[in-house]
Amino acid sequence: MTTRKTEVAGVLLAAGGGRRLGGRPKALLEHRGRPLVEHAVRALREGGCSRVHVVLGAACETVREQADLTGCVVIDNTDWASGMGSSLRAGLDSLSATGVAAALVTLVDQPGIGAEAIARVRAACVSSSSLVSAEYDGERAHPVLFGARHWAGAAAAATGDQGARSYLKEHAGHVLRVPCADVAAAYDIDTTADLAHLE
């Protein structure tokens, strides 16, 4: 049974405006007949995150209208255009009063990362001091789990499009890497060529 001391909340960063996709908000890209944001939420839930916080930005009102985000805590990041860092800060800040042990962060434009990878990273959380990332062929990537004791530092380091990269690099010796290449693929949907990954 999960208690608050070990509860992991999912934080989905879904604010991107898809600049290289002609301004198509990534959350609304269609995948298997539904908006991409719904698939990402489902992966977090099926991976064991009972609480899911979704950070929206570009076309947030349209995303709310077209996507089923029932049961999610939805945060509108008005500063989304400044980069992923602002969305990470908004997501972590939204968890401050929840009492959960950790935040498992995923990106809306990575449909190759599903529930299995999320469950592996989540299972590696042992306390609010945990710092965990998925690993693909020796490279650290999403999902990334931040124990609550790391939130302030990760948020402070999150600038522009770097997210928490600098924080993770600085604390590399404390990051537990979980191999996930056998169950997931960490590609991004950034350009029109990448749309071929969608079904």
N, C-alpha and C. Protein backbone atom coordinates (compact mmCIF):
# COMPACT_ATOMS: atom_id res chain seq x y z
N MET A 1 0.84 -1.20 0.00
CA MET A 1 0.00 0.00 0.00
C MET A 1 0.88 1.25 0.00
N THR A 2 0.56 2.19 -0.87
CA THR A 2 1.36 3.42 -0.96
C THR A 2 0.93 4.41 0.12
N THR A 3 1.88 4.95 0.84
CA THR A 3 1.60 5.98 1.83
C THR A 3 2.16 7.29 1.32
N ARG A 4 1.82 8.37 1.99
CA ARG A 4 2.32 9.68 1.58
C ARG A 4 3.85 9.71 1.62
N LYS A 5 4.44 8.90 2.51
CA LYS A 5 5.90 8.90 2.63
C LYS A 5 6.58 8.34 1.38
N THR A 6 5.84 7.52 0.62
CA THR A 6 6.42 6.95 -0.59
C THR A 6 5.61 7.29 -1.84
N GLU A 7 4.56 8.10 -1.68
CA GLU A 7 3.71 8.42 -2.83
C GLU A 7 4.46 9.28 -3.84
N VAL A 8 4.35 8.90 -5.10
CA VAL A 8 5.00 9.63 -6.19
C VAL A 8 3.92 10.24 -7.07
N ALA A 9 4.01 11.55 -7.28
CA ALA A 9 3.06 12.24 -8.15
C ALA A 9 3.66 12.38 -9.54
N GLY A 10 2.83 12.24 -10.55
CA GLY A 10 3.29 12.46 -11.91
C GLY A 10 3.18 13.93 -12.27
N VAL A 11 4.21 14.47 -12.90
CA VAL A 11 4.19 15.85 -13.39
C VAL A 11 4.43 15.80 -14.89
N LEU A 12 3.43 16.16 -15.64
CA LEU A 12 3.51 16.13 -17.10
C LEU A 12 3.72 17.54 -17.63
N LEU A 13 4.84 17.77 -18.31
CA LEU A 13 5.11 19.07 -18.90
C LEU A 13 4.54 19.08 -20.31
N ALA A 14 3.46 19.86 -20.50
CA ALA A 14 2.71 19.83 -21.77
C ALA A 14 2.41 21.22 -22.27
N ALA A 15 3.35 22.14 -22.07
CA ALA A 15 3.09 23.55 -22.38
C ALA A 15 3.61 24.00 -23.74
N GLY A 16 4.42 23.17 -24.39
CA GLY A 16 5.10 23.59 -25.61
C GLY A 16 4.19 24.02 -26.75
N GLY A 17 4.63 25.04 -27.46
CA GLY A 17 3.84 25.60 -28.56
C GLY A 17 4.15 24.99 -29.91
N GLY A 18 5.11 24.08 -29.99
CA GLY A 18 5.43 23.44 -31.26
C GLY A 18 5.92 24.41 -32.32
N ARG A 19 6.85 25.26 -31.95
CA ARG A 19 7.36 26.28 -32.88
C ARG A 19 7.87 25.65 -34.17
N ARG A 20 8.61 24.54 -34.05
CA ARG A 20 9.15 23.87 -35.24
C ARG A 20 8.10 22.98 -35.92
N LEU A 21 6.91 22.96 -35.37
CA LEU A 21 5.81 22.21 -35.98
C LEU A 21 4.77 23.16 -36.55
N GLY A 22 5.21 24.39 -36.83
CA GLY A 22 4.27 25.37 -37.38
C GLY A 22 3.33 25.96 -36.37
N GLY A 23 3.73 25.91 -35.09
CA GLY A 23 2.89 26.49 -34.04
C GLY A 23 1.75 25.61 -33.59
N ARG A 24 1.87 24.30 -33.80
CA ARG A 24 0.85 23.36 -33.34
C ARG A 24 1.18 22.93 -31.92
N PRO A 25 0.33 23.27 -30.94
CA PRO A 25 0.62 22.89 -29.55
C PRO A 25 0.83 21.38 -29.44
N LYS A 26 1.92 20.98 -28.80
CA LYS A 26 2.25 19.56 -28.74
C LYS A 26 1.20 18.74 -28.00
N ALA A 27 0.56 19.34 -27.00
CA ALA A 27 -0.45 18.60 -26.23
C ALA A 27 -1.60 18.11 -27.10
N LEU A 28 -1.86 18.83 -28.20
CA LEU A 28 -3.02 18.50 -29.04
C LEU A 28 -2.66 17.68 -30.29
N LEU A 29 -1.40 17.33 -30.47
CA LEU A 29 -1.04 16.48 -31.60
C LEU A 29 -1.80 15.16 -31.47
N GLU A 30 -2.33 14.67 -32.57
CA GLU A 30 -3.15 13.46 -32.50
C GLU A 30 -2.29 12.20 -32.56
N HIS A 31 -2.59 11.28 -31.66
CA HIS A 31 -1.89 10.00 -31.59
C HIS A 31 -2.93 8.93 -31.27
N ARG A 32 -3.10 7.99 -32.18
CA ARG A 32 -4.09 6.93 -31.99
C ARG A 32 -5.48 7.49 -31.72
N GLY A 33 -5.78 8.58 -32.44
CA GLY A 33 -7.13 9.13 -32.40
C GLY A 33 -7.44 10.09 -31.27
N ARG A 34 -6.47 10.33 -30.38
CA ARG A 34 -6.70 11.23 -29.24
C ARG A 34 -5.52 12.18 -29.08
N PRO A 35 -5.72 13.31 -28.37
CA PRO A 35 -4.61 14.24 -28.14
C PRO A 35 -3.45 13.58 -27.38
N LEU A 36 -2.25 13.95 -27.75
CA LEU A 36 -1.05 13.37 -27.15
C LEU A 36 -1.04 13.49 -25.62
N VAL A 37 -1.60 14.58 -25.11
CA VAL A 37 -1.59 14.79 -23.66
C VAL A 37 -2.37 13.69 -22.94
N GLU A 38 -3.40 13.16 -23.55
CA GLU A 38 -4.16 12.09 -22.91
C GLU A 38 -3.34 10.81 -22.79
N HIS A 39 -2.56 10.51 -23.81
CA HIS A 39 -1.71 9.32 -23.77
C HIS A 39 -0.67 9.44 -22.68
N ALA A 40 -0.11 10.63 -22.53
CA ALA A 40 0.91 10.85 -21.51
C ALA A 40 0.33 10.72 -20.09
N VAL A 41 -0.88 11.25 -19.91
CA VAL A 41 -1.54 11.13 -18.60
C VAL A 41 -1.82 9.66 -18.30
N ARG A 42 -2.31 8.93 -19.29
CA ARG A 42 -2.61 7.51 -19.08
C ARG A 42 -1.35 6.74 -18.71
N ALA A 43 -0.23 7.05 -19.37
CA ALA A 43 1.02 6.36 -19.06
C ALA A 43 1.44 6.60 -17.62
N LEU A 44 1.28 7.83 -17.14
CA LEU A 44 1.62 8.13 -15.75
C LEU A 44 0.74 7.36 -14.79
N ARG A 45 -0.55 7.32 -15.07
CA ARG A 45 -1.46 6.60 -14.19
C ARG A 45 -1.19 5.10 -14.20
N GLU A 46 -1.02 4.54 -15.39
CA GLU A 46 -0.77 3.11 -15.48
C GLU A 46 0.61 2.75 -14.93
N GLY A 47 1.50 3.73 -14.88
CA GLY A 47 2.82 3.51 -14.31
C GLY A 47 2.85 3.65 -12.80
N GLY A 48 1.71 3.96 -12.19
CA GLY A 48 1.62 3.97 -10.73
C GLY A 48 1.48 5.32 -10.08
N CYS A 49 1.28 6.38 -10.86
CA CYS A 49 1.10 7.73 -10.27
C CYS A 49 -0.39 8.00 -10.11
N SER A 50 -0.88 7.92 -8.89
CA SER A 50 -2.32 8.14 -8.66
C SER A 50 -2.67 9.62 -8.78
N ARG A 51 -1.71 10.48 -8.48
CA ARG A 51 -1.89 11.93 -8.60
C ARG A 51 -1.11 12.40 -9.82
N VAL A 52 -1.79 13.11 -10.73
CA VAL A 52 -1.12 13.60 -11.93
C VAL A 52 -1.36 15.10 -12.08
N HIS A 53 -0.29 15.88 -12.16
CA HIS A 53 -0.36 17.32 -12.38
C HIS A 53 0.11 17.60 -13.80
N VAL A 54 -0.70 18.33 -14.55
CA VAL A 54 -0.40 18.62 -15.94
C VAL A 54 -0.15 20.11 -16.10
N VAL A 55 1.01 20.46 -16.62
CA VAL A 55 1.34 21.87 -16.83
C VAL A 55 1.07 22.22 -18.30
N LEU A 56 0.11 23.11 -18.51
CA LEU A 56 -0.25 23.57 -19.85
C LEU A 56 0.32 24.96 -20.09
N GLY A 57 0.38 25.35 -21.36
CA GLY A 57 0.87 26.68 -21.71
C GLY A 57 0.24 27.14 -22.99
N ALA A 58 0.84 26.76 -24.12
CA ALA A 58 0.32 27.17 -25.42
C ALA A 58 -1.10 26.64 -25.61
N ALA A 59 -1.99 27.54 -26.03
CA ALA A 59 -3.39 27.18 -26.31
C ALA A 59 -4.02 26.41 -25.16
N CYS A 60 -3.75 26.84 -23.94
CA CYS A 60 -4.21 26.08 -22.77
C CYS A 60 -5.73 25.93 -22.73
N GLU A 61 -6.46 26.96 -23.12
CA GLU A 61 -7.92 26.86 -23.10
C GLU A 61 -8.42 25.81 -24.09
N THR A 62 -7.80 25.78 -25.27
CA THR A 62 -8.19 24.79 -26.29
C THR A 62 -7.85 23.38 -25.82
N VAL A 63 -6.71 23.23 -25.17
CA VAL A 63 -6.33 21.92 -24.65
C VAL A 63 -7.35 21.45 -23.62
N ARG A 64 -7.74 22.35 -22.72
CA ARG A 64 -8.75 22.00 -21.72
C ARG A 64 -10.06 21.57 -22.37
N GLU A 65 -10.42 22.23 -23.48
CA GLU A 65 -11.68 21.92 -24.15
C GLU A 65 -11.63 20.60 -24.90
N GLN A 66 -10.49 20.31 -25.53
CA GLN A 66 -10.41 19.16 -26.43
C GLN A 66 -9.87 17.89 -25.80
N ALA A 67 -9.13 18.02 -24.72
CA ALA A 67 -8.52 16.84 -24.09
C ALA A 67 -9.25 16.48 -22.80
N ASP A 68 -9.35 15.20 -22.54
CA ASP A 68 -9.97 14.72 -21.31
C ASP A 68 -8.89 14.64 -20.23
N LEU A 69 -8.91 15.61 -19.34
CA LEU A 69 -7.93 15.66 -18.25
C LEU A 69 -8.63 15.44 -16.90
N THR A 70 -9.71 14.70 -16.93
CA THR A 70 -10.48 14.41 -15.73
C THR A 70 -9.59 13.80 -14.64
N GLY A 71 -9.69 14.34 -13.45
CA GLY A 71 -8.93 13.82 -12.32
C GLY A 71 -7.52 14.39 -12.19
N CYS A 72 -7.09 15.14 -13.19
CA CYS A 72 -5.76 15.75 -13.13
C CYS A 72 -5.83 17.12 -12.47
N VAL A 73 -4.74 17.53 -11.86
CA VAL A 73 -4.59 18.91 -11.42
C VAL A 73 -3.93 19.63 -12.60
N VAL A 74 -4.62 20.62 -13.15
CA VAL A 74 -4.13 21.31 -14.34
C VAL A 74 -3.59 22.69 -13.96
N ILE A 75 -2.36 22.95 -14.35
CA ILE A 75 -1.72 24.23 -14.05
C ILE A 75 -1.46 24.96 -15.35
N ASP A 76 -1.86 26.22 -15.42
CA ASP A 76 -1.58 27.04 -16.60
C ASP A 76 -0.31 27.84 -16.36
N ASN A 77 0.69 27.58 -17.17
CA ASN A 77 1.96 28.30 -17.06
C ASN A 77 1.94 29.48 -18.03
N THR A 78 1.69 30.66 -17.53
CA THR A 78 1.61 31.83 -18.39
C THR A 78 2.97 32.23 -18.96
N ASP A 79 4.04 31.69 -18.38
CA ASP A 79 5.39 32.01 -18.83
C ASP A 79 5.98 30.89 -19.71
N TRP A 80 5.11 30.06 -20.28
CA TRP A 80 5.56 28.87 -21.01
C TRP A 80 6.55 29.19 -22.14
N ALA A 81 6.37 30.35 -22.79
CA ALA A 81 7.21 30.67 -23.94
C ALA A 81 8.68 30.85 -23.57
N SER A 82 8.98 31.03 -22.28
CA SER A 82 10.37 31.21 -21.85
C SER A 82 11.14 29.90 -21.84
N GLY A 83 10.43 28.78 -21.97
CA GLY A 83 11.10 27.49 -22.02
C GLY A 83 10.61 26.51 -20.97
N MET A 84 11.13 25.27 -21.09
CA MET A 84 10.69 24.18 -20.23
C MET A 84 10.94 24.44 -18.75
N GLY A 85 11.97 25.21 -18.45
CA GLY A 85 12.30 25.47 -17.06
C GLY A 85 11.14 26.06 -16.28
N SER A 86 10.41 26.99 -16.88
CA SER A 86 9.29 27.61 -16.18
C SER A 86 8.18 26.61 -15.92
N SER A 87 8.00 25.65 -16.82
CA SER A 87 6.97 24.63 -16.62
C SER A 87 7.36 23.67 -15.51
N LEU A 88 8.64 23.32 -15.44
CA LEU A 88 9.09 22.46 -14.36
C LEU A 88 8.89 23.16 -13.02
N ARG A 89 9.24 24.43 -12.96
CA ARG A 89 9.04 25.18 -11.71
C ARG A 89 7.56 25.20 -11.32
N ALA A 90 6.69 25.44 -12.30
CA ALA A 90 5.24 25.49 -12.02
C ALA A 90 4.74 24.13 -11.54
N GLY A 91 5.22 23.07 -12.16
CA GLY A 91 4.78 21.75 -11.77
C GLY A 91 5.23 21.38 -10.37
N LEU A 92 6.49 21.62 -10.06
CA LEU A 92 6.99 21.31 -8.72
C LEU A 92 6.31 22.18 -7.67
N ASP A 93 6.10 23.44 -7.98
CA ASP A 93 5.44 24.35 -7.03
C ASP A 93 4.03 23.87 -6.72
N SER A 94 3.35 23.30 -7.71
CA SER A 94 1.97 22.85 -7.50
C SER A 94 1.89 21.66 -6.55
N LEU A 95 3.01 21.01 -6.30
CA LEU A 95 3.04 19.85 -5.41
C LEU A 95 3.42 20.21 -3.98
N SER A 96 3.76 21.46 -3.74
CA SER A 96 4.37 21.86 -2.47
C SER A 96 3.53 21.53 -1.25
N ALA A 97 2.21 21.55 -1.37
CA ALA A 97 1.36 21.30 -0.20
C ALA A 97 0.73 19.90 -0.21
N THR A 98 1.17 19.03 -1.09
CA THR A 98 0.53 17.72 -1.22
C THR A 98 1.07 16.67 -0.26
N GLY A 99 2.30 16.84 0.19
CA GLY A 99 2.87 15.86 1.10
C GLY A 99 3.43 14.62 0.41
N VAL A 100 3.47 14.61 -0.92
CA VAL A 100 4.00 13.44 -1.61
C VAL A 100 5.51 13.38 -1.48
N ALA A 101 6.07 12.20 -1.66
CA ALA A 101 7.50 12.01 -1.46
C ALA A 101 8.33 12.47 -2.64
N ALA A 102 7.74 12.39 -3.85
CA ALA A 102 8.54 12.67 -5.03
C ALA A 102 7.67 13.05 -6.21
N ALA A 103 8.30 13.67 -7.20
CA ALA A 103 7.64 14.04 -8.45
C ALA A 103 8.33 13.29 -9.58
N LEU A 104 7.54 12.58 -10.38
CA LEU A 104 8.07 11.88 -11.55
C LEU A 104 7.70 12.70 -12.76
N VAL A 105 8.71 13.25 -13.43
CA VAL A 105 8.49 14.22 -14.51
C VAL A 105 8.60 13.55 -15.88
N THR A 106 7.58 13.80 -16.71
CA THR A 106 7.60 13.31 -18.09
C THR A 106 7.25 14.47 -19.03
N LEU A 107 7.53 14.26 -20.32
CA LEU A 107 7.27 15.27 -21.34
C LEU A 107 6.17 14.80 -22.28
N VAL A 108 5.29 15.71 -22.67
CA VAL A 108 4.14 15.33 -23.50
C VAL A 108 4.56 14.84 -24.88
N ASP A 109 5.71 15.28 -25.37
CA ASP A 109 6.11 14.96 -26.75
C ASP A 109 7.01 13.74 -26.85
N GLN A 110 6.89 12.81 -25.87
CA GLN A 110 7.68 11.58 -25.90
C GLN A 110 6.76 10.36 -25.80
N PRO A 111 5.95 10.11 -26.84
CA PRO A 111 5.00 9.00 -26.78
C PRO A 111 5.65 7.62 -26.75
N GLY A 112 6.96 7.55 -27.02
CA GLY A 112 7.65 6.27 -26.94
C GLY A 112 7.95 5.84 -25.51
N ILE A 113 7.70 6.73 -24.57
CA ILE A 113 7.90 6.40 -23.15
C ILE A 113 6.53 6.12 -22.54
N GLY A 114 6.33 4.88 -22.16
CA GLY A 114 5.03 4.47 -21.64
C GLY A 114 5.06 4.07 -20.18
N ALA A 115 4.03 3.35 -19.78
CA ALA A 115 3.83 2.99 -18.37
C ALA A 115 4.95 2.12 -17.81
N GLU A 116 5.54 1.25 -18.64
CA GLU A 116 6.57 0.35 -18.13
C GLU A 116 7.80 1.11 -17.64
N ALA A 117 8.26 2.08 -18.45
CA ALA A 117 9.42 2.87 -18.04
C ALA A 117 9.09 3.71 -16.81
N ILE A 118 7.89 4.28 -16.81
CA ILE A 118 7.47 5.09 -15.67
C ILE A 118 7.43 4.25 -14.40
N ALA A 119 6.90 3.04 -14.50
CA ALA A 119 6.81 2.16 -13.33
C ALA A 119 8.20 1.80 -12.81
N ARG A 120 9.15 1.58 -13.70
CA ARG A 120 10.52 1.25 -13.27
C ARG A 120 11.16 2.40 -12.50
N VAL A 121 11.04 3.60 -13.05
CA VAL A 121 11.64 4.76 -12.38
C VAL A 121 10.93 5.03 -11.06
N ARG A 122 9.62 4.93 -11.07
CA ARG A 122 8.84 5.15 -9.85
C ARG A 122 9.23 4.14 -8.76
N ALA A 123 9.42 2.89 -9.14
CA ALA A 123 9.74 1.86 -8.17
C ALA A 123 11.09 2.08 -7.49
N ALA A 124 11.94 2.87 -8.12
CA ALA A 124 13.27 3.14 -7.55
C ALA A 124 13.23 4.20 -6.47
N CYS A 125 12.08 4.83 -6.27
CA CYS A 125 11.95 5.87 -5.23
C CYS A 125 11.83 5.21 -3.87
N VAL A 126 12.74 5.55 -2.98
CA VAL A 126 12.70 4.99 -1.62
C VAL A 126 12.41 6.03 -0.56
N SER A 127 12.62 7.31 -0.90
CA SER A 127 12.38 8.37 0.09
C SER A 127 12.33 9.72 -0.62
N SER A 128 12.11 10.75 0.17
CA SER A 128 12.07 12.11 -0.39
C SER A 128 13.45 12.60 -0.81
N SER A 129 14.48 11.80 -0.57
CA SER A 129 15.83 12.16 -1.00
C SER A 129 16.20 11.50 -2.33
N SER A 130 15.32 10.68 -2.87
CA SER A 130 15.62 9.94 -4.10
C SER A 130 15.80 10.88 -5.29
N LEU A 131 16.70 10.50 -6.18
CA LEU A 131 16.94 11.21 -7.43
C LEU A 131 17.20 10.12 -8.46
N VAL A 132 16.26 9.96 -9.40
CA VAL A 132 16.28 8.80 -10.29
C VAL A 132 16.03 9.26 -11.73
N SER A 133 16.69 8.62 -12.69
CA SER A 133 16.37 8.90 -14.09
C SER A 133 16.38 7.60 -14.88
N ALA A 134 15.64 7.62 -15.97
CA ALA A 134 15.71 6.51 -16.91
C ALA A 134 17.03 6.63 -17.66
N GLU A 135 17.50 5.49 -18.18
CA GLU A 135 18.73 5.48 -18.96
C GLU A 135 18.49 4.70 -20.25
N TYR A 136 18.96 5.27 -21.35
CA TYR A 136 18.82 4.63 -22.66
C TYR A 136 20.20 4.54 -23.30
N ASP A 137 20.71 3.33 -23.42
CA ASP A 137 22.02 3.11 -24.04
C ASP A 137 23.09 4.02 -23.44
N GLY A 138 23.09 4.10 -22.13
CA GLY A 138 24.12 4.86 -21.42
C GLY A 138 23.83 6.34 -21.24
N GLU A 139 22.72 6.83 -21.83
CA GLU A 139 22.37 8.24 -21.73
C GLU A 139 21.21 8.46 -20.76
N ARG A 140 21.33 9.43 -19.89
CA ARG A 140 20.25 9.77 -18.97
C ARG A 140 19.15 10.53 -19.72
N ALA A 141 17.89 10.19 -19.43
CA ALA A 141 16.76 10.86 -20.09
C ALA A 141 15.50 10.68 -19.24
N HIS A 142 14.38 11.11 -19.78
CA HIS A 142 13.11 11.00 -19.05
C HIS A 142 12.57 9.57 -19.10
N PRO A 143 11.74 9.22 -18.12
CA PRO A 143 11.29 10.05 -17.01
C PRO A 143 12.38 10.28 -15.96
N VAL A 144 12.21 11.37 -15.22
CA VAL A 144 13.14 11.72 -14.15
C VAL A 144 12.33 11.91 -12.87
N LEU A 145 12.82 11.34 -11.78
CA LEU A 145 12.13 11.45 -10.50
C LEU A 145 12.93 12.30 -9.54
N PHE A 146 12.26 13.29 -8.95
CA PHE A 146 12.88 14.18 -7.97
C PHE A 146 12.20 13.98 -6.62
N GLY A 147 12.95 13.49 -5.65
CA GLY A 147 12.43 13.45 -4.30
C GLY A 147 12.16 14.86 -3.83
N ALA A 148 11.22 15.02 -2.91
CA ALA A 148 10.79 16.36 -2.47
C ALA A 148 11.94 17.22 -1.96
N ARG A 149 12.97 16.59 -1.41
CA ARG A 149 14.11 17.37 -0.91
C ARG A 149 14.92 18.02 -2.02
N HIS A 150 14.69 17.59 -3.25
CA HIS A 150 15.40 18.15 -4.40
C HIS A 150 14.59 19.23 -5.13
N TRP A 151 13.33 19.40 -4.78
CA TRP A 151 12.48 20.30 -5.56
C TRP A 151 12.99 21.73 -5.60
N ALA A 152 13.37 22.25 -4.45
CA ALA A 152 13.81 23.65 -4.41
C ALA A 152 15.05 23.85 -5.27
N GLY A 153 16.01 22.94 -5.16
CA GLY A 153 17.23 23.06 -5.95
C GLY A 153 16.99 22.90 -7.43
N ALA A 154 16.14 21.93 -7.78
CA ALA A 154 15.84 21.69 -9.20
C ALA A 154 15.11 22.89 -9.79
N ALA A 155 14.18 23.45 -9.02
CA ALA A 155 13.42 24.61 -9.50
C ALA A 155 14.33 25.82 -9.69
N ALA A 156 15.23 26.02 -8.76
CA ALA A 156 16.15 27.16 -8.85
C ALA A 156 17.07 27.05 -10.06
N ALA A 157 17.41 25.81 -10.43
CA ALA A 157 18.33 25.60 -11.55
C ALA A 157 17.61 25.55 -12.90
N ALA A 158 16.29 25.49 -12.87
CA ALA A 158 15.51 25.32 -14.10
C ALA A 158 15.35 26.66 -14.82
N THR A 159 16.13 26.87 -15.86
CA THR A 159 16.05 28.11 -16.63
C THR A 159 15.95 27.79 -18.11
N GLY A 160 15.27 28.65 -18.84
CA GLY A 160 15.15 28.48 -20.29
C GLY A 160 14.63 27.10 -20.65
N ASP A 161 15.22 26.49 -21.67
CA ASP A 161 14.80 25.17 -22.11
C ASP A 161 15.61 24.05 -21.46
N GLN A 162 16.43 24.39 -20.49
CA GLN A 162 17.30 23.38 -19.88
C GLN A 162 16.59 22.51 -18.87
N GLY A 163 15.44 22.98 -18.37
CA GLY A 163 14.78 22.19 -17.34
C GLY A 163 15.71 21.98 -16.17
N ALA A 164 15.83 20.73 -15.73
CA ALA A 164 16.68 20.43 -14.57
C ALA A 164 18.01 19.82 -14.97
N ARG A 165 18.41 19.98 -16.23
CA ARG A 165 19.64 19.34 -16.73
C ARG A 165 20.85 19.71 -15.89
N SER A 166 20.99 21.01 -15.58
CA SER A 166 22.18 21.43 -14.83
C SER A 166 22.15 20.87 -13.40
N TYR A 167 20.96 20.80 -12.81
CA TYR A 167 20.85 20.25 -11.45
C TYR A 167 21.24 18.78 -11.44
N LEU A 168 20.75 18.04 -12.43
CA LEU A 168 21.08 16.61 -12.51
C LEU A 168 22.57 16.40 -12.76
N LYS A 169 23.15 17.26 -13.58
CA LYS A 169 24.58 17.14 -13.86
C LYS A 169 25.40 17.42 -12.60
N GLU A 170 24.98 18.44 -11.87
CA GLU A 170 25.68 18.81 -10.64
C GLU A 170 25.60 17.70 -9.59
N HIS A 171 24.48 16.95 -9.61
CA HIS A 171 24.25 15.89 -8.62
C HIS A 171 24.37 14.50 -9.25
N ALA A 172 25.16 14.41 -10.32
CA ALA A 172 25.26 13.17 -11.08
C ALA A 172 25.61 11.96 -10.21
N GLY A 173 26.43 12.17 -9.21
CA GLY A 173 26.84 11.07 -8.35
C GLY A 173 25.72 10.51 -7.49
N HIS A 174 24.62 11.26 -7.38
CA HIS A 174 23.49 10.83 -6.55
C HIS A 174 22.32 10.32 -7.39
N VAL A 175 22.44 10.43 -8.72
CA VAL A 175 21.33 10.01 -9.59
C VAL A 175 21.39 8.51 -9.83
N LEU A 176 20.34 7.81 -9.43
CA LEU A 176 20.23 6.39 -9.72
C LEU A 176 19.67 6.25 -11.13
N ARG A 177 20.40 5.59 -12.01
CA ARG A 177 19.96 5.41 -13.39
C ARG A 177 19.29 4.05 -13.54
N VAL A 178 18.13 4.05 -14.16
CA VAL A 178 17.35 2.83 -14.34
C VAL A 178 17.27 2.51 -15.84
N PRO A 179 17.87 1.43 -16.30
CA PRO A 179 17.82 1.09 -17.73
C PRO A 179 16.38 0.89 -18.21
N CYS A 180 16.04 1.55 -19.31
CA CYS A 180 14.68 1.47 -19.84
C CYS A 180 14.62 1.24 -21.34
N ALA A 181 15.77 1.08 -21.99
CA ALA A 181 15.80 0.98 -23.44
C ALA A 181 15.05 -0.24 -23.96
N ASP A 182 14.87 -1.25 -23.12
CA ASP A 182 14.17 -2.45 -23.57
C ASP A 182 12.65 -2.29 -23.55
N VAL A 183 12.16 -1.22 -22.90
CA VAL A 183 10.70 -1.04 -22.82
C VAL A 183 10.23 0.32 -23.34
N ALA A 184 11.16 1.20 -23.72
CA ALA A 184 10.76 2.55 -24.13
C ALA A 184 11.78 3.14 -25.10
N ALA A 185 11.35 4.19 -25.80
CA ALA A 185 12.23 4.93 -26.71
C ALA A 185 12.06 6.41 -26.43
N ALA A 186 13.18 7.10 -26.17
CA ALA A 186 13.11 8.49 -25.69
C ALA A 186 13.22 9.52 -26.80
N TYR A 187 12.53 9.30 -27.92
CA TYR A 187 12.55 10.31 -28.99
C TYR A 187 11.55 11.43 -28.66
N ASP A 188 11.79 12.60 -29.25
CA ASP A 188 10.90 13.75 -29.08
C ASP A 188 10.15 14.02 -30.38
N ILE A 189 8.97 14.60 -30.26
CA ILE A 189 8.23 15.08 -31.42
C ILE A 189 8.51 16.59 -31.52
N ASP A 190 9.56 16.94 -32.27
CA ASP A 190 9.98 18.33 -32.36
C ASP A 190 9.77 18.94 -33.74
N THR A 191 9.92 18.13 -34.78
CA THR A 191 9.84 18.63 -36.15
C THR A 191 8.77 17.88 -36.94
N THR A 192 8.46 18.38 -38.12
CA THR A 192 7.44 17.70 -38.94
C THR A 192 7.89 16.27 -39.29
N ALA A 193 9.18 16.05 -39.44
CA ALA A 193 9.67 14.70 -39.72
C ALA A 193 9.37 13.75 -38.55
N ASP A 194 9.39 14.30 -37.34
CA ASP A 194 9.13 13.47 -36.16
C ASP A 194 7.68 13.01 -36.07
N LEU A 195 6.79 13.68 -36.78
CA LEU A 195 5.38 13.30 -36.75
C LEU A 195 5.15 11.88 -37.24
N ALA A 196 6.14 11.33 -37.94
CA ALA A 196 6.03 9.95 -38.41
C ALA A 196 5.94 8.96 -37.27
N HIS A 197 6.38 9.38 -36.07
CA HIS A 197 6.30 8.50 -34.90
C HIS A 197 4.86 8.37 -34.39
N LEU A 198 4.01 9.30 -34.76
CA LEU A 198 2.63 9.27 -34.27
C LEU A 198 1.79 8.33 -35.12
N GLU A 199 0.79 7.76 -34.50
CA GLU A 199 -0.07 6.81 -35.19
C GLU A 199 -1.49 7.35 -35.34
